[in-house]
Amino acid sequence: MIGIPIGILIGLLSGVIFIFLVRTAWTSRNDRKAVGKVIIELVAIPTFWFGGSWAASALLREIDVSLMLPYYATSLAVVFGLIALPVLFKIILQIAREVGQQSGGAP
């Protein structure tokens, strides 16, 4: 059952990092260089999820990863989704408003 707390921890960390990266990209969306850096950092998040330095930790050497993985992946996905989805929905709504205003639609 060690997979659930580890999934929550990694989900919290990566969710907060994701929010910071998305907000950075959103606020500097006219700066292609900054957005490119953010995209590269976003692509690195799954590496952290499934094989970062925590995987080789001495604490997890005795754990059977095949038994831990379903609990870990599920708890990580739920926590990450709860953190990331509200921010993404706000951005999607903002984009929809901007597109609607540019096309002459209702705000």
PDB file of N, CA and C in Angstrom:
ATOM      1  N   MET A   1       0.804  -1.201   0.000  1.00  0.00           N
ATOM      2  CA  MET A   1       0.000   0.000   0.000  1.00  0.00           C
ATOM      3  C   MET A   1       0.851   1.270   0.000  1.00  0.00           C
ATOM      4  N   ILE A   2       2.156   1.117  -0.122  1.00  0.00           N
ATOM      5  CA  ILE A   2       3.041   2.276  -0.153  1.00  0.00           C
ATOM      6  C   ILE A   2       2.812   3.113  -1.413  1.00  0.00           C
ATOM      7  N   GLY A   3       2.181   2.523  -2.408  1.00  0.00           N
ATOM      8  CA  GLY A   3       1.945   3.229  -3.665  1.00  0.00           C
ATOM      9  C   GLY A   3       1.021   4.428  -3.517  1.00  0.00           C
ATOM     10  N   ILE A   4       0.046   4.349  -2.630  1.00  0.00           N
ATOM     11  CA  ILE A   4      -0.909   5.457  -2.468  1.00  0.00           C
ATOM     12  C   ILE A   4      -0.236   6.705  -1.898  1.00  0.00           C
ATOM     13  N   PRO A   5       0.484   6.614  -0.769  1.00  0.00           N
ATOM     14  CA  PRO A   5       1.119   7.839  -0.274  1.00  0.00           C
ATOM     15  C   PRO A   5       2.185   8.393  -1.218  1.00  0.00           C
ATOM     16  N   ILE A   6       2.915   7.527  -1.888  1.00  0.00           N
ATOM     17  CA  ILE A   6       3.918   8.012  -2.845  1.00  0.00           C
ATOM     18  C   ILE A   6       3.226   8.675  -4.029  1.00  0.00           C
ATOM     19  N   GLY A   7       2.133   8.094  -4.487  1.00  0.00           N
ATOM     20  CA  GLY A   7       1.369   8.697  -5.580  1.00  0.00           C
ATOM     21  C   GLY A   7       0.810  10.058  -5.197  1.00  0.00           C
ATOM     22  N   ILE A   8       0.323  10.179  -3.968  1.00  0.00           N
ATOM     23  CA  ILE A   8      -0.191  11.473  -3.499  1.00  0.00           C
ATOM     24  C   ILE A   8       0.932  12.495  -3.440  1.00  0.00           C
ATOM     25  N   LEU A   9       2.072  12.105  -2.901  1.00  0.00           N
ATOM     26  CA  LEU A   9       3.208  13.017  -2.801  1.00  0.00           C
ATOM     27  C   LEU A   9       3.688  13.474  -4.175  1.00  0.00           C
ATOM     28  N   ILE A  10       3.902  12.545  -5.070  1.00  0.00           N
ATOM     29  CA  ILE A  10       4.385  12.897  -6.408  1.00  0.00           C
ATOM     30  C   ILE A  10       3.307  13.665  -7.166  1.00  0.00           C
ATOM     31  N   GLY A  11       2.036  13.317  -6.979  1.00  0.00           N
ATOM     32  CA  GLY A  11       0.945  14.049  -7.609  1.00  0.00           C
ATOM     33  C   GLY A  11       0.873  15.495  -7.135  1.00  0.00           C
ATOM     34  N   LEU A  12       1.061  15.708  -5.833  1.00  0.00           N
ATOM     35  CA  LEU A  12       1.072  17.072  -5.294  1.00  0.00           C
ATOM     36  C   LEU A  12       2.240  17.875  -5.856  1.00  0.00           C
ATOM     37  N   LEU A  13       3.422  17.293  -5.799  1.00  0.00           N
ATOM     38  CA  LEU A  13       4.605  17.991  -6.295  1.00  0.00           C
ATOM     39  C   LEU A  13       4.486  18.323  -7.774  1.00  0.00           C
ATOM     40  N   SER A  14       4.136  17.328  -8.571  1.00  0.00           N
ATOM     41  CA  SER A  14       4.075  17.577 -10.011  1.00  0.00           C
ATOM     42  C   SER A  14       2.882  18.448 -10.383  1.00  0.00           C
ATOM     43  N   GLY A  15       1.790  18.383  -9.632  1.00  0.00           N
ATOM     44  CA  GLY A  15       0.650  19.251  -9.889  1.00  0.00           C
ATOM     45  C   GLY A  15       0.977  20.716  -9.649  1.00  0.00           C
ATOM     46  N   VAL A  16       1.656  20.983  -8.558  1.00  0.00           N
ATOM     47  CA  VAL A  16       2.055  22.360  -8.259  1.00  0.00           C
ATOM     48  C   VAL A  16       3.066  22.857  -9.293  1.00  0.00           C
ATOM     49  N   ILE A  17       4.022  22.022  -9.642  1.00  0.00           N
ATOM     50  CA  ILE A  17       4.998  22.389 -10.675  1.00  0.00           C
ATOM     51  C   ILE A  17       4.285  22.651 -11.994  1.00  0.00           C
ATOM     52  N   PHE A  18       3.332  21.806 -12.334  1.00  0.00           N
ATOM     53  CA  PHE A  18       2.567  21.969 -13.575  1.00  0.00           C
ATOM     54  C   PHE A  18       1.843  23.309 -13.592  1.00  0.00           C
ATOM     55  N   ILE A  19       1.207  23.671 -12.479  1.00  0.00           N
ATOM     56  CA  ILE A  19       0.494  24.949 -12.417  1.00  0.00           C
ATOM     57  C   ILE A  19       1.448  26.113 -12.624  1.00  0.00           C
ATOM     58  N   PHE A  20       2.598  26.074 -11.951  1.00  0.00           N
ATOM     59  CA  PHE A  20       3.572  27.150 -12.137  1.00  0.00           C
ATOM     60  C   PHE A  20       4.040  27.238 -13.578  1.00  0.00           C
ATOM     61  N   LEU A  21       4.288  26.096 -14.203  1.00  0.00           N
ATOM     62  CA  LEU A  21       4.745  26.097 -15.593  1.00  0.00           C
ATOM     63  C   LEU A  21       3.668  26.615 -16.543  1.00  0.00           C
ATOM     64  N   VAL A  22       2.430  26.189 -16.344  1.00  0.00           N
ATOM     65  CA  VAL A  22       1.347  26.645 -17.215  1.00  0.00           C
ATOM     66  C   VAL A  22       1.101  28.139 -17.041  1.00  0.00           C
ATOM     67  N   ARG A  23       1.126  28.615 -15.812  1.00  0.00           N
ATOM     68  CA  ARG A  23       0.936  30.057 -15.590  1.00  0.00           C
ATOM     69  C   ARG A  23       2.082  30.858 -16.188  1.00  0.00           C
ATOM     70  N   THR A  24       3.297  30.341 -16.096  1.00  0.00           N
ATOM     71  CA  THR A  24       4.437  31.017 -16.711  1.00  0.00           C
ATOM     72  C   THR A  24       4.254  31.084 -18.217  1.00  0.00           C
ATOM     73  N   ALA A  25       3.858  29.976 -18.809  1.00  0.00           N
ATOM     74  CA  ALA A  25       3.637  29.955 -20.261  1.00  0.00           C
ATOM     75  C   ALA A  25       2.497  30.888 -20.649  1.00  0.00           C
ATOM     76  N   TRP A  26       1.453  30.921 -19.834  1.00  0.00           N
ATOM     77  CA  TRP A  26       0.293  31.750 -20.156  1.00  0.00           C
ATOM     78  C   TRP A  26       0.627  33.234 -20.081  1.00  0.00           C
ATOM     79  N   THR A  27       1.377  33.625 -19.053  1.00  0.00           N
ATOM     80  CA  THR A  27       1.705  35.039 -18.904  1.00  0.00           C
ATOM     81  C   THR A  27       2.752  35.513 -19.900  1.00  0.00           C
ATOM     82  N   SER A  28       3.561  34.595 -20.400  1.00  0.00           N
ATOM     83  CA  SER A  28       4.592  34.987 -21.370  1.00  0.00           C
ATOM     84  C   SER A  28       4.336  34.330 -22.725  1.00  0.00           C
ATOM     85  N   ARG A  29       3.069  34.195 -23.086  1.00  0.00           N
ATOM     86  CA  ARG A  29       2.715  33.472 -24.307  1.00  0.00           C
ATOM     87  C   ARG A  29       3.183  34.157 -25.584  1.00  0.00           C
ATOM     88  N   ASN A  30       3.545  35.427 -25.520  1.00  0.00           N
ATOM     89  CA  ASN A  30       4.075  36.108 -26.696  1.00  0.00           C
ATOM     90  C   ASN A  30       5.580  35.934 -26.830  1.00  0.00           C
ATOM     91  N   ASP A  31       6.227  35.385 -25.805  1.00  0.00           N
ATOM     92  CA  ASP A  31       7.661  35.144 -25.820  1.00  0.00           C
ATOM     93  C   ASP A  31       7.906  33.674 -26.168  1.00  0.00           C
ATOM     94  N   ARG A  32       8.208  33.416 -27.426  1.00  0.00           N
ATOM     95  CA  ARG A  32       8.347  32.028 -27.898  1.00  0.00           C
ATOM     96  C   ARG A  32       9.465  31.275 -27.181  1.00  0.00           C
ATOM     97  N   LYS A  33      10.532  31.967 -26.854  1.00  0.00           N
ATOM     98  CA  LYS A  33      11.649  31.318 -26.179  1.00  0.00           C
ATOM     99  C   LYS A  33      11.227  30.822 -24.793  1.00  0.00           C
ATOM    100  N   ALA A  34      10.515  31.664 -24.059  1.00  0.00           N
ATOM    101  CA  ALA A  34      10.051  31.282 -22.723  1.00  0.00           C
ATOM    102  C   ALA A  34       9.058  30.132 -22.796  1.00  0.00           C
ATOM    103  N   VAL A  35       8.161  30.194 -23.764  1.00  0.00           N
ATOM    104  CA  VAL A  35       7.181  29.114 -23.922  1.00  0.00           C
ATOM    105  C   VAL A  35       7.879  27.812 -24.306  1.00  0.00           C
ATOM    106  N   GLY A  36       8.893  27.888 -25.142  1.00  0.00           N
ATOM    107  CA  GLY A  36       9.663  26.694 -25.513  1.00  0.00           C
ATOM    108  C   GLY A  36      10.320  26.049 -24.305  1.00  0.00           C
ATOM    109  N   LYS A  37      10.872  26.867 -23.419  1.00  0.00           N
ATOM    110  CA  LYS A  37      11.486  26.338 -22.198  1.00  0.00           C
ATOM    111  C   LYS A  37      10.445  25.662 -21.312  1.00  0.00           C
ATOM    112  N   VAL A  38       9.283  26.263 -21.215  1.00  0.00           N
ATOM    113  CA  VAL A  38       8.221  25.679 -20.394  1.00  0.00           C
ATOM    114  C   VAL A  38       7.771  24.342 -20.973  1.00  0.00           C
ATOM    115  N   ILE A  39       7.651  24.261 -22.286  1.00  0.00           N
ATOM    116  CA  ILE A  39       7.239  23.004 -22.927  1.00  0.00           C
ATOM    117  C   ILE A  39       8.254  21.907 -22.641  1.00  0.00           C
ATOM    118  N   ILE A  40       9.524  22.232 -22.721  1.00  0.00           N
ATOM    119  CA  ILE A  40      10.565  21.241 -22.427  1.00  0.00           C
ATOM    120  C   ILE A  40      10.462  20.776 -20.980  1.00  0.00           C
ATOM    121  N   GLU A  41      10.202  21.677 -20.070  1.00  0.00           N
ATOM    122  CA  GLU A  41      10.052  21.300 -18.664  1.00  0.00           C
ATOM    123  C   GLU A  41       8.797  20.458 -18.445  1.00  0.00           C
ATOM    124  N   LEU A  42       7.714  20.757 -19.159  1.00  0.00           N
ATOM    125  CA  LEU A  42       6.492  19.954 -19.041  1.00  0.00           C
ATOM    126  C   LEU A  42       6.710  18.522 -19.534  1.00  0.00           C
ATOM    127  N   VAL A  43       7.497  18.380 -20.583  1.00  0.00           N
ATOM    128  CA  VAL A  43       7.768  17.052 -21.130  1.00  0.00           C
ATOM    129  C   VAL A  43       8.568  16.209 -20.133  1.00  0.00           C
ATOM    130  N   ALA A  44       9.309  16.842 -19.246  1.00  0.00           N
ATOM    131  CA  ALA A  44      10.121  16.119 -18.269  1.00  0.00           C
ATOM    132  C   ALA A  44       9.311  15.585 -17.089  1.00  0.00           C
ATOM    133  N   ILE A  45       8.083  16.047 -16.904  1.00  0.00           N
ATOM    134  CA  ILE A  45       7.291  15.615 -15.744  1.00  0.00           C
ATOM    135  C   ILE A  45       7.047  14.090 -15.736  1.00  0.00           C
ATOM    136  N   PRO A  46       6.665  13.437 -16.838  1.00  0.00           N
ATOM    137  CA  PRO A  46       6.468  11.986 -16.767  1.00  0.00           C
ATOM    138  C   PRO A  46       7.729  11.205 -16.381  1.00  0.00           C
ATOM    139  N   THR A  47       8.886  11.714 -16.715  1.00  0.00           N
ATOM    140  CA  THR A  47      10.124  11.054 -16.288  1.00  0.00           C
ATOM    141  C   THR A  47      10.205  11.056 -14.771  1.00  0.00           C
ATOM    142  N   PHE A  48       9.814  12.137 -14.156  1.00  0.00           N
ATOM    143  CA  PHE A  48       9.786  12.238 -12.700  1.00  0.00           C
ATOM    144  C   PHE A  48       8.761  11.267 -12.124  1.00  0.00           C
ATOM    145  N   TRP A  49       7.603  11.123 -12.804  1.00  0.00           N
ATOM    146  CA  TRP A  49       6.552  10.239 -12.308  1.00  0.00           C
ATOM    147  C   TRP A  49       6.983   8.785 -12.260  1.00  0.00           C
ATOM    148  N   PHE A  50       7.602   8.307 -13.332  1.00  0.00           N
ATOM    149  CA  PHE A  50       7.814   6.858 -13.463  1.00  0.00           C
ATOM    150  C   PHE A  50       9.263   6.417 -13.430  1.00  0.00           C
ATOM    151  N   GLY A  51      10.134   7.202 -12.874  1.00  0.00           N
ATOM    152  CA  GLY A  51      11.502   6.716 -12.795  1.00  0.00           C
ATOM    153  C   GLY A  51      12.488   7.721 -12.278  1.00  0.00           C
ATOM    154  N   GLY A  52      12.001   8.735 -11.623  1.00  0.00           N
ATOM    155  CA  GLY A  52      12.914   9.730 -11.080  1.00  0.00           C
ATOM    156  C   GLY A  52      13.816   9.113 -10.023  1.00  0.00           C
ATOM    157  N   SER A  53      14.562   9.925  -9.351  1.00  0.00           N
ATOM    158  CA  SER A  53      15.529   9.427  -8.372  1.00  0.00           C
ATOM    159  C   SER A  53      14.861   8.664  -7.231  1.00  0.00           C
ATOM    160  N   TRP A  54      13.581   8.923  -6.998  1.00  0.00           N
ATOM    161  CA  TRP A  54      12.899   8.210  -5.923  1.00  0.00           C
ATOM    162  C   TRP A  54      12.795   6.719  -6.200  1.00  0.00           C
ATOM    163  N   ALA A  55      12.784   6.309  -7.471  1.00  0.00           N
ATOM    164  CA  ALA A  55      12.625   4.891  -7.821  1.00  0.00           C
ATOM    165  C   ALA A  55      13.820   4.072  -7.369  1.00  0.00           C
ATOM    166  N   ALA A  56      14.989   4.675  -7.325  1.00  0.00           N
ATOM    167  CA  ALA A  56      16.195   3.953  -6.924  1.00  0.00           C
ATOM    168  C   ALA A  56      16.512   4.144  -5.451  1.00  0.00           C
ATOM    169  N   SER A  57      15.634   4.800  -4.727  1.00  0.00           N
ATOM    170  CA  SER A  57      15.871   5.093  -3.315  1.00  0.00           C
ATOM    171  C   SER A  57      16.007   3.812  -2.505  1.00  0.00           C
ATOM    172  N   ALA A  58      16.804   3.891  -1.473  1.00  0.00           N
ATOM    173  CA  ALA A  58      16.998   2.736  -0.596  1.00  0.00           C
ATOM    174  C   ALA A  58      15.702   2.337   0.102  1.00  0.00           C
ATOM    175  N   LEU A  59      14.773   3.287   0.272  1.00  0.00           N
ATOM    176  CA  LEU A  59      13.513   2.980   0.929  1.00  0.00           C
ATOM    177  C   LEU A  59      12.633   2.053   0.098  1.00  0.00           C
ATOM    178  N   LEU A  60      12.786   2.095  -1.217  1.00  0.00           N
ATOM    179  CA  LEU A  60      11.899   1.324  -2.082  1.00  0.00           C
ATOM    180  C   LEU A  60      12.545   0.067  -2.647  1.00  0.00           C
ATOM    181  N   ARG A  61      13.728  -0.263  -2.223  1.00  0.00           N
ATOM    182  CA  ARG A  61      14.410  -1.454  -2.771  1.00  0.00           C
ATOM    183  C   ARG A  61      13.681  -2.745  -2.410  1.00  0.00           C
ATOM    184  N   GLU A  62      13.031  -2.780  -1.278  1.00  0.00           N
ATOM    185  CA  GLU A  62      12.342  -3.988  -0.811  1.00  0.00           C
ATOM    186  C   GLU A  62      10.896  -4.076  -1.306  1.00  0.00           C
ATOM    187  N   ILE A  63      10.429  -3.057  -2.003  1.00  0.00           N
ATOM    188  CA  ILE A  63       9.041  -3.002  -2.454  1.00  0.00           C
ATOM    189  C   ILE A  63       8.912  -3.654  -3.829  1.00  0.00           C
ATOM    190  N   ASP A  64       7.877  -4.459  -3.991  1.00  0.00           N
ATOM    191  CA  ASP A  64       7.580  -5.053  -5.295  1.00  0.00           C
ATOM    192  C   ASP A  64       6.837  -4.011  -6.128  1.00  0.00           C
ATOM    193  N   VAL A  65       7.523  -3.464  -7.122  1.00  0.00           N
ATOM    194  CA  VAL A  65       6.975  -2.375  -7.929  1.00  0.00           C
ATOM    195  C   VAL A  65       5.719  -2.808  -8.676  1.00  0.00           C
ATOM    196  N   SER A  66       5.643  -4.053  -9.092  1.00  0.00           N
ATOM    197  CA  SER A  66       4.461  -4.508  -9.829  1.00  0.00           C
ATOM    198  C   SER A  66       3.207  -4.481  -8.957  1.00  0.00           C
ATOM    199  N   LEU A  67       3.361  -4.652  -7.657  1.00  0.00           N
ATOM    200  CA  LEU A  67       2.211  -4.559  -6.747  1.00  0.00           C
ATOM    201  C   LEU A  67       1.896  -3.115  -6.390  1.00  0.00           C
ATOM    202  N   MET A  68       2.918  -2.263  -6.353  1.00  0.00           N
ATOM    203  CA  MET A  68       2.757  -0.870  -5.972  1.00  0.00           C
ATOM    204  C   MET A  68       2.192  -0.022  -7.103  1.00  0.00           C
ATOM    205  N   LEU A  69       2.545  -0.343  -8.341  1.00  0.00           N
ATOM    206  CA  LEU A  69       2.273   0.522  -9.483  1.00  0.00           C
ATOM    207  C   LEU A  69       0.796   0.877  -9.689  1.00  0.00           C
ATOM    208  N   PRO A  70      -0.148  -0.059  -9.613  1.00  0.00           N
ATOM    209  CA  PRO A  70      -1.556   0.340  -9.824  1.00  0.00           C
ATOM    210  C   PRO A  70      -2.048   1.374  -8.802  1.00  0.00           C
ATOM    211  N   TYR A  71      -1.698   1.191  -7.537  1.00  0.00           N
ATOM    212  CA  TYR A  71      -2.101   2.144  -6.505  1.00  0.00           C
ATOM    213  C   TYR A  71      -1.400   3.482  -6.704  1.00  0.00           C
ATOM    214  N   TYR A  72      -0.130   3.411  -7.022  1.00  0.00           N
ATOM    215  CA  TYR A  72       0.665   4.625  -7.246  1.00  0.00           C
ATOM    216  C   TYR A  72       0.111   5.423  -8.417  1.00  0.00           C
ATOM    217  N   ALA A  73      -0.084   4.763  -9.558  1.00  0.00           N
ATOM    218  CA  ALA A  73      -0.549   5.454 -10.759  1.00  0.00           C
ATOM    219  C   ALA A  73      -1.944   6.047 -10.559  1.00  0.00           C
ATOM    220  N   THR A  74      -2.818   5.319  -9.900  1.00  0.00           N
ATOM    221  CA  THR A  74      -4.178   5.811  -9.670  1.00  0.00           C
ATOM    222  C   THR A  74      -4.182   7.026  -8.748  1.00  0.00           C
ATOM    223  N   SER A  75      -3.488   6.937  -7.634  1.00  0.00           N
ATOM    224  CA  SER A  75      -3.474   8.072  -6.706  1.00  0.00           C
ATOM    225  C   SER A  75      -2.758   9.272  -7.318  1.00  0.00           C
ATOM    226  N   LEU A  76      -1.699   9.051  -8.079  1.00  0.00           N
ATOM    227  CA  LEU A  76      -1.009  10.152  -8.749  1.00  0.00           C
ATOM    228  C   LEU A  76      -1.938  10.833  -9.742  1.00  0.00           C
ATOM    229  N   ALA A  77      -2.638  10.045 -10.548  1.00  0.00           N
ATOM    230  CA  ALA A  77      -3.536  10.620 -11.558  1.00  0.00           C
ATOM    231  C   ALA A  77      -4.671  11.417 -10.917  1.00  0.00           C
ATOM    232  N   VAL A  78      -5.242  10.900  -9.852  1.00  0.00           N
ATOM    233  CA  VAL A  78      -6.350  11.602  -9.195  1.00  0.00           C
ATOM    234  C   VAL A  78      -5.876  12.915  -8.582  1.00  0.00           C
ATOM    235  N   VAL A  79      -4.776  12.880  -7.844  1.00  0.00           N
ATOM    236  CA  VAL A  79      -4.279  14.101  -7.197  1.00  0.00           C
ATOM    237  C   VAL A  79      -3.830  15.112  -8.242  1.00  0.00           C
ATOM    238  N   PHE A  80      -3.084  14.668  -9.236  1.00  0.00           N
ATOM    239  CA  PHE A  80      -2.619  15.571 -10.286  1.00  0.00           C
ATOM    240  C   PHE A  80      -3.809  16.188 -11.021  1.00  0.00           C
ATOM    241  N   GLY A  81      -4.811  15.381 -11.329  1.00  0.00           N
ATOM    242  CA  GLY A  81      -6.001  15.883 -12.010  1.00  0.00           C
ATOM    243  C   GLY A  81      -6.757  16.906 -11.184  1.00  0.00           C
ATOM    244  N   LEU A  82      -6.903  16.646  -9.894  1.00  0.00           N
ATOM    245  CA  LEU A  82      -7.602  17.591  -9.021  1.00  0.00           C
ATOM    246  C   LEU A  82      -6.874  18.931  -8.926  1.00  0.00           C
ATOM    247  N   ILE A  83      -5.565  18.893  -9.020  1.00  0.00           N
ATOM    248  CA  ILE A  83      -4.787  20.129  -8.951  1.00  0.00           C
ATOM    249  C   ILE A  83      -4.751  20.830 -10.308  1.00  0.00           C
ATOM    250  N   ALA A  84      -4.516  20.090 -11.376  1.00  0.00           N
ATOM    251  CA  ALA A  84      -4.259  20.685 -12.693  1.00  0.00           C
ATOM    252  C   ALA A  84      -5.529  21.063 -13.457  1.00  0.00           C
ATOM    253  N   LEU A  85      -6.571  20.284 -13.369  1.00  0.00           N
ATOM    254  CA  LEU A  85      -7.750  20.520 -14.206  1.00  0.00           C
ATOM    255  C   LEU A  85      -8.442  21.861 -13.966  1.00  0.00           C
ATOM    256  N   PRO A  86      -8.615  22.319 -12.731  1.00  0.00           N
ATOM    257  CA  PRO A  86      -9.245  23.642 -12.565  1.00  0.00           C
ATOM    258  C   PRO A  86      -8.472  24.765 -13.254  1.00  0.00           C
ATOM    259  N   VAL A  87      -7.162  24.722 -13.172  1.00  0.00           N
ATOM    260  CA  VAL A  87      -6.344  25.753 -13.822  1.00  0.00           C
ATOM    261  C   VAL A  87      -6.481  25.655 -15.338  1.00  0.00           C
ATOM    262  N   LEU A  88      -6.462  24.438 -15.862  1.00  0.00           N
ATOM    263  CA  LEU A  88      -6.610  24.270 -17.304  1.00  0.00           C
ATOM    264  C   LEU A  88      -7.981  24.718 -17.791  1.00  0.00           C
ATOM    265  N   PHE A  89      -9.020  24.439 -17.023  1.00  0.00           N
ATOM    266  CA  PHE A  89     -10.360  24.887 -17.414  1.00  0.00           C
ATOM    267  C   PHE A  89     -10.460  26.405 -17.432  1.00  0.00           C
ATOM    268  N   LYS A  90      -9.825  27.075 -16.475  1.00  0.00           N
ATOM    269  CA  LYS A  90      -9.820  28.541 -16.473  1.00  0.00           C
ATOM    270  C   LYS A  90      -9.137  29.084 -17.724  1.00  0.00           C
ATOM    271  N   ILE A  91      -8.035  28.469 -18.095  1.00  0.00           N
ATOM    272  CA  ILE A  91      -7.317  28.911 -19.299  1.00  0.00           C
ATOM    273  C   ILE A  91      -8.153  28.651 -20.544  1.00  0.00           C
ATOM    274  N   ILE A  92      -8.802  27.507 -20.611  1.00  0.00           N
ATOM    275  CA  ILE A  92      -9.652  27.190 -21.761  1.00  0.00           C
ATOM    276  C   ILE A  92     -10.803  28.200 -21.863  1.00  0.00           C
ATOM    277  N   LEU A  93     -11.416  28.534 -20.742  1.00  0.00           N
ATOM    278  CA  LEU A  93     -12.491  29.528 -20.763  1.00  0.00           C
ATOM    279  C   LEU A  93     -11.979  30.895 -21.200  1.00  0.00           C
ATOM    280  N   GLN A  94     -10.787  31.272 -20.739  1.00  0.00           N
ATOM    281  CA  GLN A  94     -10.203  32.549 -21.144  1.00  0.00           C
ATOM    282  C   GLN A  94      -9.940  32.568 -22.652  1.00  0.00           C
ATOM    283  N   ILE A  95      -9.422  31.496 -23.186  1.00  0.00           N
ATOM    284  CA  ILE A  95      -9.178  31.410 -24.628  1.00  0.00           C
ATOM    285  C   ILE A  95     -10.502  31.500 -25.384  1.00  0.00           C
ATOM    286  N   ALA A  96     -11.524  30.815 -24.886  1.00  0.00           N
ATOM    287  CA  ALA A  96     -12.837  30.865 -25.534  1.00  0.00           C
ATOM    288  C   ALA A  96     -13.396  32.287 -25.543  1.00  0.00           C
ATOM    289  N   ARG A  97     -13.224  32.999 -24.431  1.00  0.00           N
ATOM    290  CA  ARG A  97     -13.687  34.392 -24.364  1.00  0.00           C
ATOM    291  C   ARG A  97     -12.926  35.248 -25.373  1.00  0.00           C
ATOM    292  N   GLU A  98     -11.630  35.084 -25.441  1.00  0.00           N
ATOM    293  CA  GLU A  98     -10.819  35.871 -26.377  1.00  0.00           C
ATOM    294  C   GLU A  98     -11.200  35.588 -27.821  1.00  0.00           C
ATOM    295  N   VAL A  99     -11.403  34.323 -28.143  1.00  0.00           N
ATOM    296  CA  VAL A  99     -11.807  33.954 -29.499  1.00  0.00           C
ATOM    297  C   VAL A  99     -13.193  34.513 -29.803  1.00  0.00           C
ATOM    298  N   GLY A 100     -14.099  34.442 -28.824  1.00  0.00           N
ATOM    299  CA  GLY A 100     -15.438  34.975 -29.013  1.00  0.00           C
ATOM    300  C   GLY A 100     -15.434  36.477 -29.238  1.00  0.00           C
ATOM    301  N   GLN A 101     -14.581  37.184 -28.518  1.00  0.00           N
ATOM    302  CA  GLN A 101     -14.495  38.631 -28.689  1.00  0.00           C
ATOM    303  C   GLN A 101     -13.874  39.000 -30.029  1.00  0.00           C
ATOM    304  N   GLN A 102     -12.891  38.230 -30.466  1.00  0.00           N
ATOM    305  CA  GLN A 102     -12.241  38.506 -31.749  1.00  0.00           C
ATOM    306  C   GLN A 102     -13.167  38.220 -32.918  1.00  0.00           C
ATOM    307  N   SER A 103     -14.029  37.237 -32.752  1.00  0.00           N
ATOM    308  CA  SER A 103     -14.935  36.881 -33.852  1.00  0.00           C
ATOM    309  C   SER A 103     -16.246  37.676 -33.797  1.00  0.00           C
ATOM    310  N   GLY A 104     -16.380  38.529 -32.794  1.00  0.00           N
ATOM    311  CA  GLY A 104     -17.579  39.349 -32.690  1.00  0.00           C
ATOM    312  C   GLY A 104     -18.714  38.678 -31.965  1.00  0.00           C
ATOM    313  N   GLY A 105     -18.438  37.546 -31.312  1.00  0.00           N
ATOM    314  CA  GLY A 105     -19.486  36.847 -30.587  1.00  0.00           C
ATOM    315  C   GLY A 105     -19.721  37.466 -29.229  1.00  0.00           C
ATOM    316  N   ALA A 106     -20.642  36.899 -28.496  1.00  0.00           N
ATOM    317  CA  ALA A 106     -20.970  37.401 -27.160  1.00  0.00           C
ATOM    318  C   ALA A 106     -19.817  37.096 -26.210  1.00  0.00           C
ATOM    319  N   PRO A 107     -19.549  37.956 -25.226  1.00  0.00           N
ATOM    320  CA  PRO A 107     -18.449  37.737 -24.276  1.00  0.00           C
ATOM    321  C   PRO A 107     -18.693  36.589 -23.343  1.00  0.00           C
TER     322      PRO A 107
END
